[in-house]
């Protein structure tokens, strides 16, 4: 039960990151696609890296 909730929260966080990536005007389209794939592939790790390292630079 708890693992399902954590899994769903990870998917929601990853989707939020992808939407935030595509809203940015500073990134090239190829970089947006590659970054989105990375965030979706590594759900929680990708979310953490994006939120704490990459988001501030955009």
Protein backbone atom coordinates (compact mmCIF):
# COMPACT_ATOMS: atom_id res chain seq x y z
CA UNK A 1 0.00 0.00 0.00
CA UNK A 2 2.69 2.51 0.99
CA UNK A 3 4.86 1.54 -1.96
CA UNK A 4 1.97 2.25 -4.32
CA UNK A 5 1.53 5.74 -2.85
CA UNK A 6 5.26 6.44 -3.16
CA UNK A 7 5.21 5.17 -6.75
CA UNK A 8 2.27 7.42 -7.68
CA UNK A 9 3.90 10.43 -6.01
CA UNK A 10 7.07 9.73 -8.01
CA UNK A 11 5.11 9.69 -11.26
CA UNK A 12 3.34 12.94 -10.37
CA UNK A 13 6.67 14.59 -9.48
CA UNK A 14 8.24 13.41 -12.74
CA UNK A 15 5.31 14.70 -14.80
CA UNK A 16 5.49 18.04 -13.00
CA UNK A 17 9.20 18.27 -13.89
CA UNK A 18 8.52 17.46 -17.54
CA UNK A 19 5.85 20.15 -17.74
CA UNK A 20 8.20 22.63 -16.10
CA UNK A 21 10.98 21.70 -18.54
CA UNK A 22 8.75 22.33 -21.57
CA UNK A 23 7.61 25.71 -20.20
CA UNK A 24 11.18 26.98 -20.18
CA UNK A 25 12.16 29.16 -23.13
CA UNK A 26 15.90 29.02 -22.42
CA UNK A 27 16.37 25.39 -23.51
CA UNK A 28 16.69 24.00 -27.00
CA UNK A 29 14.02 21.46 -28.03
CA UNK A 30 16.47 18.55 -28.19
CA UNK A 31 17.75 19.31 -24.70
CA UNK A 32 14.14 19.48 -23.45
CA UNK A 33 13.39 16.04 -24.86
CA UNK A 34 16.57 14.46 -23.50
CA UNK A 35 16.10 16.00 -20.07
CA UNK A 36 12.47 14.87 -19.99
CA UNK A 37 13.42 11.30 -20.87
CA UNK A 38 16.05 11.30 -18.13
CA UNK A 39 13.60 12.60 -15.52
CA UNK A 40 10.97 10.03 -16.49
CA UNK A 41 13.47 7.16 -16.59
CA UNK A 42 14.92 7.90 -13.15
CA UNK A 43 11.73 9.03 -11.44
CA UNK A 44 12.80 10.10 -7.92
CA UNK A 45 16.49 10.57 -8.71
CA UNK A 46 15.65 12.53 -11.85
CA UNK A 47 13.20 14.68 -9.90
CA UNK A 48 15.78 15.43 -7.21
CA UNK A 49 18.53 16.30 -9.70
CA UNK A 50 16.20 18.50 -11.71
CA UNK A 51 14.68 20.28 -8.72
CA UNK A 52 17.87 20.94 -6.78
CA UNK A 53 20.42 21.46 -9.58
CA UNK A 54 18.87 22.29 -12.92
CA UNK A 55 15.71 24.22 -12.06
CA UNK A 56 17.61 27.12 -10.48
CA UNK A 57 19.66 27.62 -13.65
CA UNK A 58 16.61 27.96 -15.90
